Amino acid sequence: MDKRKLEQFRKRLEQKQQDLMRTVSRTEQDGRVADEEATQDIADKAINSYTKEFLFHQSNADRGLLQMVDEALQRIHDGTYGLCITCGEELNPKRIDAVPWARYCISCQEKVEQMGVLR
């Protein structure tokens, strides 16, 4: 991958990283606020519980994506960005353009997803 293209991906990934860190922080704050709210009846408690559960799942998804973005930035630093972490093949340019934090080529991604279903 040429240096200009690599620099574009680095900037996109760093922006995504900053956005995700803000989102995770905001979600954690919203979860703390939900914990602090005094609930009075069973309906309020149910809504509060649902809200906390929703925020927890949202935060987990954002953290997982943040980890993939961090790993992609590390691969840029290591000089392995754009290569499948399993087989070492070059990722399809359209794939990496659509998902700059992609770790696997299409073939390996399909295998990973099949294994996830079997677990």
N, C-alpha and C. Protein backbone atom coordinates (compact mmCIF):
# COMPACT_ATOMS: atom_id res chain seq x y z
N MET A 1 0.85 -1.18 0.00
CA MET A 1 0.00 0.00 0.00
C MET A 1 0.90 1.24 0.00
N ASP A 2 0.55 2.21 -0.84
CA ASP A 2 1.39 3.40 -0.90
C ASP A 2 1.22 4.28 0.34
N LYS A 3 2.22 5.10 0.59
CA LYS A 3 2.26 5.90 1.82
C LYS A 3 1.09 6.88 1.90
N ARG A 4 0.69 7.45 0.78
CA ARG A 4 -0.41 8.41 0.79
C ARG A 4 -1.71 7.74 1.24
N LYS A 5 -1.98 6.58 0.68
CA LYS A 5 -3.19 5.82 1.03
C LYS A 5 -3.13 5.38 2.49
N LEU A 6 -1.97 4.92 2.92
CA LEU A 6 -1.79 4.50 4.30
C LEU A 6 -2.05 5.65 5.27
N GLU A 7 -1.58 6.83 4.92
CA GLU A 7 -1.79 8.02 5.76
C GLU A 7 -3.27 8.38 5.83
N GLN A 8 -3.99 8.22 4.73
CA GLN A 8 -5.44 8.47 4.73
C GLN A 8 -6.16 7.51 5.68
N PHE A 9 -5.76 6.25 5.64
CA PHE A 9 -6.38 5.26 6.53
C PHE A 9 -6.03 5.56 7.98
N ARG A 10 -4.79 5.96 8.23
CA ARG A 10 -4.38 6.29 9.60
C ARG A 10 -5.24 7.43 10.15
N LYS A 11 -5.45 8.45 9.35
CA LYS A 11 -6.27 9.59 9.79
C LYS A 11 -7.71 9.18 10.03
N ARG A 12 -8.27 8.36 9.14
CA ARG A 12 -9.65 7.88 9.32
C ARG A 12 -9.77 7.06 10.60
N LEU A 13 -8.78 6.20 10.82
CA LEU A 13 -8.81 5.35 12.02
C LEU A 13 -8.65 6.18 13.29
N GLU A 14 -7.78 7.16 13.26
CA GLU A 14 -7.60 8.01 14.45
C GLU A 14 -8.87 8.80 14.75
N GLN A 15 -9.56 9.27 13.72
CA GLN A 15 -10.83 9.99 13.93
C GLN A 15 -11.88 9.05 14.51
N LYS A 16 -11.96 7.84 13.97
CA LYS A 16 -12.91 6.84 14.48
C LYS A 16 -12.58 6.50 15.93
N GLN A 17 -11.29 6.38 16.25
CA GLN A 17 -10.85 6.08 17.60
C GLN A 17 -11.32 7.18 18.57
N GLN A 18 -11.13 8.43 18.19
CA GLN A 18 -11.56 9.54 19.04
C GLN A 18 -13.07 9.55 19.22
N ASP A 19 -13.81 9.32 18.14
CA ASP A 19 -15.27 9.28 18.22
C ASP A 19 -15.74 8.17 19.15
N LEU A 20 -15.13 7.00 19.03
CA LEU A 20 -15.52 5.87 19.87
C LEU A 20 -15.17 6.11 21.34
N MET A 21 -14.02 6.72 21.59
CA MET A 21 -13.65 7.00 22.98
C MET A 21 -14.65 7.97 23.61
N ARG A 22 -15.09 8.97 22.85
CA ARG A 22 -16.10 9.90 23.36
C ARG A 22 -17.42 9.17 23.61
N THR A 23 -17.81 8.32 22.68
CA THR A 23 -19.07 7.58 22.82
C THR A 23 -19.04 6.66 24.03
N VAL A 24 -17.95 5.92 24.21
CA VAL A 24 -17.82 5.01 25.35
C VAL A 24 -17.88 5.80 26.65
N SER A 25 -17.19 6.90 26.70
CA SER A 25 -17.18 7.73 27.90
C SER A 25 -18.59 8.26 28.21
N ARG A 26 -19.28 8.72 27.18
CA ARG A 26 -20.64 9.26 27.35
C ARG A 26 -21.59 8.15 27.80
N THR A 27 -21.45 6.96 27.22
CA THR A 27 -22.31 5.84 27.60
C THR A 27 -22.07 5.44 29.05
N GLU A 28 -20.81 5.41 29.46
CA GLU A 28 -20.50 5.09 30.86
C GLU A 28 -21.12 6.12 31.79
N GLN A 29 -21.04 7.39 31.42
CA GLN A 29 -21.64 8.45 32.23
C GLN A 29 -23.15 8.28 32.31
N ASP A 30 -23.78 7.96 31.18
CA ASP A 30 -25.23 7.74 31.18
C ASP A 30 -25.60 6.55 32.07
N GLY A 31 -24.77 5.52 32.08
CA GLY A 31 -25.02 4.36 32.94
C GLY A 31 -24.92 4.73 34.42
N ARG A 32 -23.94 5.58 34.75
CA ARG A 32 -23.81 6.03 36.15
C ARG A 32 -25.02 6.86 36.55
N VAL A 33 -25.50 7.71 35.65
CA VAL A 33 -26.68 8.53 35.94
C VAL A 33 -27.89 7.63 36.16
N ALA A 34 -28.03 6.59 35.35
CA ALA A 34 -29.16 5.65 35.50
C ALA A 34 -29.08 4.95 36.85
N ASP A 35 -27.87 4.65 37.31
CA ASP A 35 -27.70 4.02 38.63
C ASP A 35 -28.11 4.95 39.76
N GLU A 36 -27.89 6.24 39.56
CA GLU A 36 -28.14 7.21 40.62
C GLU A 36 -29.61 7.59 40.73
N GLU A 37 -30.37 7.36 39.67
CA GLU A 37 -31.78 7.75 39.68
C GLU A 37 -32.54 6.95 40.72
N ALA A 38 -33.28 7.68 41.55
CA ALA A 38 -34.09 7.03 42.58
C ALA A 38 -35.39 6.54 41.91
N THR A 39 -35.60 5.25 41.95
CA THR A 39 -36.82 4.70 41.37
C THR A 39 -37.85 4.52 42.46
N GLN A 40 -39.11 4.75 42.08
CA GLN A 40 -40.15 4.70 43.10
C GLN A 40 -41.08 3.50 42.95
N ASP A 41 -41.43 3.14 41.76
CA ASP A 41 -42.33 2.00 41.62
C ASP A 41 -41.71 0.95 40.71
N ILE A 42 -42.40 -0.17 40.58
CA ILE A 42 -41.87 -1.30 39.82
C ILE A 42 -41.68 -0.97 38.34
N ALA A 43 -42.56 -0.15 37.77
CA ALA A 43 -42.43 0.23 36.36
C ALA A 43 -41.16 1.07 36.15
N ASP A 44 -40.93 2.01 37.07
CA ASP A 44 -39.71 2.83 36.99
C ASP A 44 -38.46 1.96 37.12
N LYS A 45 -38.52 0.99 38.00
CA LYS A 45 -37.38 0.09 38.19
C LYS A 45 -37.12 -0.73 36.93
N ALA A 46 -38.19 -1.19 36.30
CA ALA A 46 -38.05 -1.98 35.07
C ALA A 46 -37.44 -1.14 33.95
N ILE A 47 -37.92 0.07 33.80
CA ILE A 47 -37.38 0.97 32.76
C ILE A 47 -35.92 1.27 33.05
N ASN A 48 -35.59 1.53 34.30
CA ASN A 48 -34.21 1.82 34.69
C ASN A 48 -33.31 0.62 34.41
N SER A 49 -33.80 -0.57 34.72
CA SER A 49 -33.04 -1.78 34.48
C SER A 49 -32.81 -1.99 32.98
N TYR A 50 -33.86 -1.78 32.18
CA TYR A 50 -33.73 -1.91 30.73
C TYR A 50 -32.71 -0.91 30.19
N THR A 51 -32.78 0.31 30.66
CA THR A 51 -31.87 1.36 30.21
C THR A 51 -30.43 0.99 30.51
N LYS A 52 -30.17 0.52 31.72
CA LYS A 52 -28.80 0.12 32.09
C LYS A 52 -28.32 -1.04 31.23
N GLU A 53 -29.18 -2.02 30.98
CA GLU A 53 -28.82 -3.17 30.15
C GLU A 53 -28.52 -2.74 28.72
N PHE A 54 -29.35 -1.86 28.17
CA PHE A 54 -29.13 -1.33 26.83
C PHE A 54 -27.79 -0.60 26.75
N LEU A 55 -27.52 0.27 27.72
CA LEU A 55 -26.26 1.02 27.73
C LEU A 55 -25.06 0.09 27.87
N PHE A 56 -25.20 -0.97 28.66
CA PHE A 56 -24.12 -1.94 28.84
C PHE A 56 -23.79 -2.62 27.50
N HIS A 57 -24.81 -3.07 26.79
CA HIS A 57 -24.58 -3.73 25.50
C HIS A 57 -24.01 -2.77 24.47
N GLN A 58 -24.51 -1.55 24.45
CA GLN A 58 -23.99 -0.54 23.52
C GLN A 58 -22.52 -0.26 23.82
N SER A 59 -22.20 -0.14 25.08
CA SER A 59 -20.82 0.14 25.49
C SER A 59 -19.90 -1.02 25.11
N ASN A 60 -20.36 -2.25 25.30
CA ASN A 60 -19.54 -3.41 24.92
C ASN A 60 -19.26 -3.44 23.42
N ALA A 61 -20.27 -3.15 22.62
CA ALA A 61 -20.09 -3.14 21.17
C ALA A 61 -19.09 -2.04 20.77
N ASP A 62 -19.24 -0.88 21.37
CA ASP A 62 -18.33 0.23 21.07
C ASP A 62 -16.90 -0.08 21.52
N ARG A 63 -16.77 -0.73 22.65
CA ARG A 63 -15.43 -1.11 23.13
C ARG A 63 -14.77 -2.13 22.19
N GLY A 64 -15.57 -3.07 21.71
CA GLY A 64 -15.04 -4.07 20.77
C GLY A 64 -14.56 -3.41 19.49
N LEU A 65 -15.35 -2.48 18.97
CA LEU A 65 -14.95 -1.76 17.77
C LEU A 65 -13.72 -0.90 18.03
N LEU A 66 -13.67 -0.26 19.19
CA LEU A 66 -12.51 0.54 19.56
C LEU A 66 -11.25 -0.32 19.60
N GLN A 67 -11.36 -1.53 20.11
CA GLN A 67 -10.21 -2.43 20.16
C GLN A 67 -9.76 -2.78 18.73
N MET A 68 -10.70 -3.02 17.83
CA MET A 68 -10.32 -3.34 16.45
C MET A 68 -9.64 -2.14 15.78
N VAL A 69 -10.12 -0.94 16.07
CA VAL A 69 -9.50 0.27 15.51
C VAL A 69 -8.09 0.43 16.07
N ASP A 70 -7.94 0.22 17.39
CA ASP A 70 -6.60 0.30 18.00
C ASP A 70 -5.64 -0.70 17.37
N GLU A 71 -6.14 -1.92 17.14
CA GLU A 71 -5.30 -2.95 16.52
C GLU A 71 -4.91 -2.57 15.09
N ALA A 72 -5.84 -1.96 14.35
CA ALA A 72 -5.53 -1.53 12.98
C ALA A 72 -4.45 -0.44 13.00
N LEU A 73 -4.55 0.49 13.94
CA LEU A 73 -3.51 1.52 14.06
C LEU A 73 -2.16 0.90 14.41
N GLN A 74 -2.18 -0.13 15.23
CA GLN A 74 -0.94 -0.83 15.58
C GLN A 74 -0.35 -1.53 14.35
N ARG A 75 -1.23 -2.12 13.52
CA ARG A 75 -0.76 -2.77 12.29
C ARG A 75 -0.14 -1.75 11.34
N ILE A 76 -0.69 -0.54 11.30
CA ILE A 76 -0.07 0.51 10.49
C ILE A 76 1.33 0.78 11.01
N HIS A 77 1.44 0.89 12.32
CA HIS A 77 2.75 1.14 12.95
C HIS A 77 3.73 0.00 12.67
N ASP A 78 3.22 -1.24 12.71
CA ASP A 78 4.07 -2.42 12.51
C ASP A 78 4.39 -2.70 11.04
N GLY A 79 3.65 -2.05 10.14
CA GLY A 79 3.86 -2.28 8.71
C GLY A 79 3.10 -3.47 8.16
N THR A 80 2.10 -3.96 8.89
CA THR A 80 1.32 -5.11 8.43
C THR A 80 -0.12 -4.74 8.07
N TYR A 81 -0.42 -3.45 8.04
CA TYR A 81 -1.78 -3.00 7.74
C TYR A 81 -2.14 -3.39 6.31
N GLY A 82 -3.38 -3.85 6.15
CA GLY A 82 -3.85 -4.24 4.82
C GLY A 82 -3.63 -5.70 4.51
N LEU A 83 -3.05 -6.43 5.48
CA LEU A 83 -2.83 -7.86 5.31
C LEU A 83 -3.72 -8.62 6.28
N CYS A 84 -4.22 -9.77 5.85
CA CYS A 84 -5.04 -10.63 6.70
C CYS A 84 -4.19 -11.11 7.88
N ILE A 85 -4.74 -11.01 9.09
CA ILE A 85 -3.95 -11.43 10.26
C ILE A 85 -3.86 -12.94 10.39
N THR A 86 -4.65 -13.67 9.61
CA THR A 86 -4.61 -15.13 9.66
C THR A 86 -3.69 -15.71 8.58
N CYS A 87 -3.95 -15.35 7.33
CA CYS A 87 -3.20 -15.98 6.23
C CYS A 87 -2.12 -15.07 5.63
N GLY A 88 -2.16 -13.77 5.95
CA GLY A 88 -1.16 -12.84 5.44
C GLY A 88 -1.43 -12.31 4.04
N GLU A 89 -2.54 -12.74 3.44
CA GLU A 89 -2.90 -12.25 2.10
C GLU A 89 -3.32 -10.78 2.19
N GLU A 90 -3.13 -10.07 1.08
CA GLU A 90 -3.53 -8.68 1.03
C GLU A 90 -5.06 -8.58 1.00
N LEU A 91 -5.60 -7.65 1.79
CA LEU A 91 -7.04 -7.45 1.81
C LEU A 91 -7.49 -6.75 0.54
N ASN A 92 -8.69 -7.06 0.10
CA ASN A 92 -9.27 -6.41 -1.05
C ASN A 92 -9.37 -4.91 -0.77
N PRO A 93 -8.89 -4.06 -1.68
CA PRO A 93 -8.93 -2.61 -1.45
C PRO A 93 -10.33 -2.07 -1.17
N LYS A 94 -11.36 -2.62 -1.81
CA LYS A 94 -12.72 -2.17 -1.55
C LYS A 94 -13.14 -2.53 -0.13
N ARG A 95 -12.70 -3.69 0.35
CA ARG A 95 -13.03 -4.12 1.71
C ARG A 95 -12.39 -3.20 2.74
N ILE A 96 -11.13 -2.93 2.57
CA ILE A 96 -10.42 -2.11 3.55
C ILE A 96 -10.88 -0.65 3.48
N ASP A 97 -11.33 -0.22 2.30
CA ASP A 97 -11.87 1.13 2.18
C ASP A 97 -13.19 1.24 2.93
N ALA A 98 -14.01 0.19 2.84
CA ALA A 98 -15.31 0.19 3.52
C ALA A 98 -15.17 -0.02 5.02
N VAL A 99 -14.23 -0.87 5.42
CA VAL A 99 -14.02 -1.19 6.83
C VAL A 99 -12.52 -1.11 7.12
N PRO A 100 -12.01 0.08 7.42
CA PRO A 100 -10.56 0.24 7.58
C PRO A 100 -9.96 -0.58 8.72
N TRP A 101 -10.77 -1.06 9.64
CA TRP A 101 -10.27 -1.87 10.76
C TRP A 101 -10.41 -3.37 10.47
N ALA A 102 -10.73 -3.72 9.23
CA ALA A 102 -10.87 -5.14 8.85
C ALA A 102 -9.57 -5.89 9.16
N ARG A 103 -9.74 -7.08 9.73
CA ARG A 103 -8.57 -7.89 10.11
C ARG A 103 -8.34 -9.07 9.19
N TYR A 104 -9.41 -9.51 8.54
CA TYR A 104 -9.34 -10.75 7.77
C TYR A 104 -9.71 -10.52 6.32
N CYS A 105 -9.14 -11.36 5.43
CA CYS A 105 -9.59 -11.40 4.05
C CYS A 105 -10.99 -12.04 4.06
N ILE A 106 -11.68 -11.98 2.95
CA ILE A 106 -13.04 -12.52 2.88
C ILE A 106 -13.08 -14.00 3.27
N SER A 107 -12.15 -14.77 2.74
CA SER A 107 -12.12 -16.21 2.99
C SER A 107 -11.94 -16.51 4.48
N CYS A 108 -10.97 -15.85 5.11
CA CYS A 108 -10.73 -16.08 6.54
C CYS A 108 -11.87 -15.53 7.39
N GLN A 109 -12.48 -14.42 6.98
CA GLN A 109 -13.62 -13.86 7.70
C GLN A 109 -14.77 -14.86 7.71
N GLU A 110 -15.02 -15.50 6.56
CA GLU A 110 -16.08 -16.50 6.50
C GLU A 110 -15.80 -17.67 7.44
N LYS A 111 -14.54 -18.09 7.51
CA LYS A 111 -14.17 -19.19 8.41
C LYS A 111 -14.37 -18.78 9.87
N VAL A 112 -13.98 -17.58 10.21
CA VAL A 112 -14.15 -17.07 11.58
C VAL A 112 -15.64 -17.03 11.94
N GLU A 113 -16.45 -16.56 11.03
CA GLU A 113 -17.90 -16.48 11.29
C GLU A 113 -18.51 -17.87 11.42
N GLN A 114 -18.07 -18.83 10.61
CA GLN A 114 -18.57 -20.20 10.72
C GLN A 114 -18.19 -20.80 12.06
N MET A 115 -16.97 -20.54 12.51
CA MET A 115 -16.53 -21.06 13.80
C MET A 115 -17.33 -20.43 14.93
N GLY A 116 -17.69 -19.14 14.78
CA GLY A 116 -18.49 -18.46 15.79
C GLY A 116 -19.86 -19.07 15.93
N VAL A 117 -20.42 -19.51 14.81
CA VAL A 117 -21.75 -20.14 14.82
C VAL A 117 -21.67 -21.50 15.49
N LEU A 118 -20.54 -22.20 15.31
CA LEU A 118 -20.40 -23.55 15.86
C LEU A 118 -20.13 -23.54 17.35
N ARG A 119 -19.68 -22.46 17.90
CA ARG A 119 -19.35 -22.43 19.33
C ARG A 119 -20.53 -22.57 20.21
